[in-house]
Amino acid sequence: MTPPPVSRRTLLAAALACPLPLLWARLARATPSQAQALIAGLRQGATLLSSSLIRLEAPELAENGNTVPFGITVDSPMTADDHLQRLHILSEVNPLPEIATIHVTPALGVAQVRTRIRLAATQTVLVVAVFSGQRVAVAGREVKVTIGGCGG
């Protein structure tokens, strides 16, 4: 038994529908206001500490946004009573504003993380450090991306 013939109208509709998900994915971008809304949600009335507690290491110019080295060092005693609990890495331009959430315990000893992140375009990468005792610190670093990146 042979399958029924495909009409030109069906073929044309299928051809036009295929690129729509790709176009939507390309248009999906976080905005600085979405990143700020996430920060406000993470703060939820917590005491805001100085951004100088967070040291961010990233290249000023990334030749390829697909793999950008990124380091975070937080000045924290890392004792049972006073320690860093979480690091949130946020994007202002990537398709999704949340890049990563890293959970930390006092057993780590030093609040230091090294990773690679993917950046869609030139943007400020924001880090929110959540400490024990309802305290939060926020810092950011601009990274200029020349080519590549997610969605590009």
Protein backbone atom coordinates (compact mmCIF):
# COMPACT_ATOMS: atom_id res chain seq x y z
CA MET A 1 0.00 0.00 0.00
CA THR A 2 1.45 3.38 -0.97
CA PRO A 3 1.16 6.48 1.21
CA PRO A 4 -1.22 9.20 0.00
CA PRO A 5 0.41 11.91 -2.14
CA VAL A 6 1.49 15.10 -0.36
CA SER A 7 -0.14 18.24 -1.71
CA ARG A 8 1.84 21.38 -2.53
CA ARG A 9 -0.13 23.23 0.15
CA THR A 10 0.91 20.73 2.86
CA LEU A 11 4.53 20.81 1.70
CA LEU A 12 4.57 24.64 1.71
CA ALA A 13 3.00 24.81 5.21
CA ALA A 14 5.60 22.37 6.55
CA ALA A 15 8.46 24.33 4.98
CA LEU A 16 7.23 27.60 6.50
CA ALA A 17 6.66 26.09 9.96
CA CYS A 18 10.13 24.51 10.34
CA PRO A 19 12.17 27.70 10.94
CA LEU A 20 9.69 29.16 13.48
CA PRO A 21 11.15 27.38 16.56
CA LEU A 22 14.66 28.41 15.50
CA LEU A 23 13.54 32.01 15.05
CA TRP A 24 11.83 32.03 18.45
CA ALA A 25 14.97 30.62 20.13
CA ARG A 26 17.10 33.31 18.49
CA LEU A 27 14.72 36.07 19.66
CA ALA A 28 14.57 34.74 23.24
CA ARG A 29 16.87 36.94 25.30
CA ALA A 30 17.02 37.81 28.96
CA THR A 31 16.95 41.49 29.79
CA PRO A 32 18.74 43.49 32.49
CA SER A 33 15.36 44.03 34.18
CA GLN A 34 14.80 40.24 34.37
CA ALA A 35 18.22 39.82 35.98
CA GLN A 36 17.42 42.60 38.47
CA ALA A 37 14.08 40.92 39.26
CA LEU A 38 15.94 37.68 40.02
CA ILE A 39 18.32 39.56 42.31
CA ALA A 40 15.38 41.16 44.12
CA GLY A 41 13.83 37.71 44.56
CA LEU A 42 17.07 36.34 45.97
CA ARG A 43 17.41 39.26 48.39
CA GLN A 44 13.91 38.98 49.88
CA GLY A 45 14.64 41.44 52.67
CA ALA A 46 18.16 40.16 53.41
CA THR A 47 20.86 42.58 54.50
CA LEU A 48 22.86 43.82 51.50
CA LEU A 49 26.62 43.55 52.03
CA SER A 50 29.40 45.31 50.13
CA SER A 51 30.17 44.08 46.61
CA SER A 52 33.87 44.22 47.54
CA LEU A 53 33.42 40.83 49.27
CA ILE A 54 33.18 39.25 45.81
CA ARG A 55 36.14 39.12 43.40
CA LEU A 56 35.25 38.17 39.85
CA GLU A 57 37.84 36.94 37.37
CA ALA A 58 36.86 36.97 33.71
CA PRO A 59 38.52 38.19 30.56
CA GLU A 60 37.68 41.72 29.54
CA LEU A 61 37.44 40.48 25.95
CA ALA A 62 36.30 36.95 25.11
CA GLU A 63 37.10 35.88 21.57
CA ASN A 64 34.57 33.06 21.77
CA GLY A 65 31.42 33.30 23.88
CA ASN A 66 30.98 29.52 23.89
CA THR A 67 33.56 28.99 26.62
CA VAL A 68 34.47 31.98 28.79
CA PRO A 69 36.67 31.27 31.85
CA PHE A 70 35.03 32.67 34.98
CA GLY A 71 36.28 32.68 38.56
CA ILE A 72 34.61 33.77 41.79
CA THR A 73 36.34 34.31 45.12
CA VAL A 74 34.25 35.40 48.11
CA ASP A 75 35.70 36.82 51.31
CA SER A 76 34.00 34.61 53.91
CA PRO A 77 35.38 32.96 57.08
CA MET A 78 33.61 29.68 56.10
CA THR A 79 32.84 28.72 59.71
CA ALA A 80 29.70 26.90 60.83
CA ASP A 81 28.18 30.18 62.07
CA ASP A 82 29.35 32.49 59.27
CA HIS A 83 29.70 31.11 55.76
CA LEU A 84 28.75 31.43 52.14
CA GLN A 85 25.74 29.25 51.25
CA ARG A 86 25.11 29.81 47.54
CA LEU A 87 26.45 31.60 44.49
CA HIS A 88 24.05 32.58 41.71
CA ILE A 89 25.56 33.49 38.33
CA LEU A 90 23.16 35.59 36.25
CA SER A 91 23.15 36.89 32.69
CA GLU A 92 21.58 40.02 31.24
CA VAL A 93 21.53 38.83 27.60
CA ASN A 94 21.63 34.99 27.40
CA PRO A 95 18.40 33.22 26.41
CA LEU A 96 17.87 32.41 30.10
CA PRO A 97 19.03 34.79 32.85
CA GLU A 98 20.19 32.04 35.23
CA ILE A 99 23.58 30.63 34.23
CA ALA A 100 24.30 28.56 37.37
CA THR A 101 23.61 28.13 41.07
CA ILE A 102 26.47 26.74 43.16
CA HIS A 103 25.80 25.44 46.67
CA VAL A 104 28.66 25.78 49.16
CA THR A 105 29.25 24.39 52.67
CA PRO A 106 31.73 25.40 55.40
CA ALA A 107 33.56 22.11 54.71
CA LEU A 108 34.88 23.70 51.51
CA GLY A 109 37.17 25.87 53.63
CA VAL A 110 37.67 28.54 50.94
CA ALA A 111 34.86 30.19 49.02
CA GLN A 112 36.39 29.97 45.57
CA VAL A 113 34.95 28.61 42.30
CA ARG A 114 36.38 28.32 38.79
CA THR A 115 34.26 27.39 35.79
CA ARG A 116 33.53 28.23 32.17
CA ILE A 117 30.32 29.91 31.12
CA ARG A 118 28.61 30.52 27.81
CA LEU A 119 27.72 34.10 26.88
CA ALA A 120 25.46 35.07 23.99
CA ALA A 121 26.86 38.58 23.55
CA THR A 122 28.66 41.39 25.32
CA GLN A 123 27.06 41.79 28.74
CA THR A 124 27.53 42.24 32.47
CA VAL A 125 27.64 38.92 34.29
CA LEU A 126 26.18 39.27 37.78
CA VAL A 127 26.98 37.17 40.84
CA VAL A 128 24.77 37.02 43.92
CA ALA A 129 26.43 35.56 47.02
CA VAL A 130 23.98 34.36 49.68
CA PHE A 131 25.50 34.12 53.16
CA SER A 132 24.23 32.54 56.37
CA GLY A 133 22.29 34.90 58.61
CA GLN A 134 20.14 36.43 55.84
CA ARG A 135 22.93 38.41 54.15
CA VAL A 136 23.53 38.95 50.43
CA ALA A 137 26.26 40.56 48.29
CA VAL A 138 26.01 41.37 44.57
CA ALA A 139 28.81 42.07 42.08
CA GLY A 140 29.08 42.27 38.32
CA ARG A 141 31.69 42.22 35.58
CA GLU A 142 31.33 43.22 31.95
CA VAL A 143 32.64 40.75 29.38
CA LYS A 144 32.88 41.78 25.73
CA VAL A 145 32.15 38.86 23.40
CA THR A 146 33.42 39.16 19.83
CA ILE A 147 32.06 35.99 18.13
CA GLY A 148 30.14 32.81 18.91
CA GLY A 149 28.08 32.52 22.07
CA CYS A 150 24.86 30.68 22.76
CA GLY A 151 22.14 31.24 20.22
CA GLY A 152 24.59 32.93 17.85
